[in-house]
Amino acid sequence: DAKRKGVLKSNSIPVGTRVEIRGLQSETAKWLNGRKAHVIHFDNGPNGRYEVRLANGDIKKIKPANVRVQLPPGWTEHWDEGQQKHYYMNPNTKKVQWDHPVANNTIATMTKTRV
């Protein structure tokens, strides 16, 4: 499930967010693993895919489980077997946290409303 893999739920990554493509298994798509891109759209169709623009300008449709929000410089992602989820570390600041350092802040900013 999405929580176990440490990914955000479908359609929760805002347009314009910088992402990395991971975990593609097919021989025709493996070349995309590790590529950086940014989200341009989420297709709510029956297969629910993010449309992302690669650095070379190509647009690809990627399953939510294969789209990861990029970590800021200095941050690393680790897996906790006991909790069965990812955690994030920044050795420069000695900060360790369960929440992705960019994704949750980006989503919170995008969902705030002014009154």
Foldseek 3Di string as FASTA:
>chain_A
DLQLLAFDDAPLFDFFFKKAFADDDDPVCPVRHGFIWTFHDWDPPPQIWTWTATPVGDTDTHHRSGIGGDADPQKDWDADPVVSHIWIARVVVRDIGRDRPPSVVNSVVVPDDDD
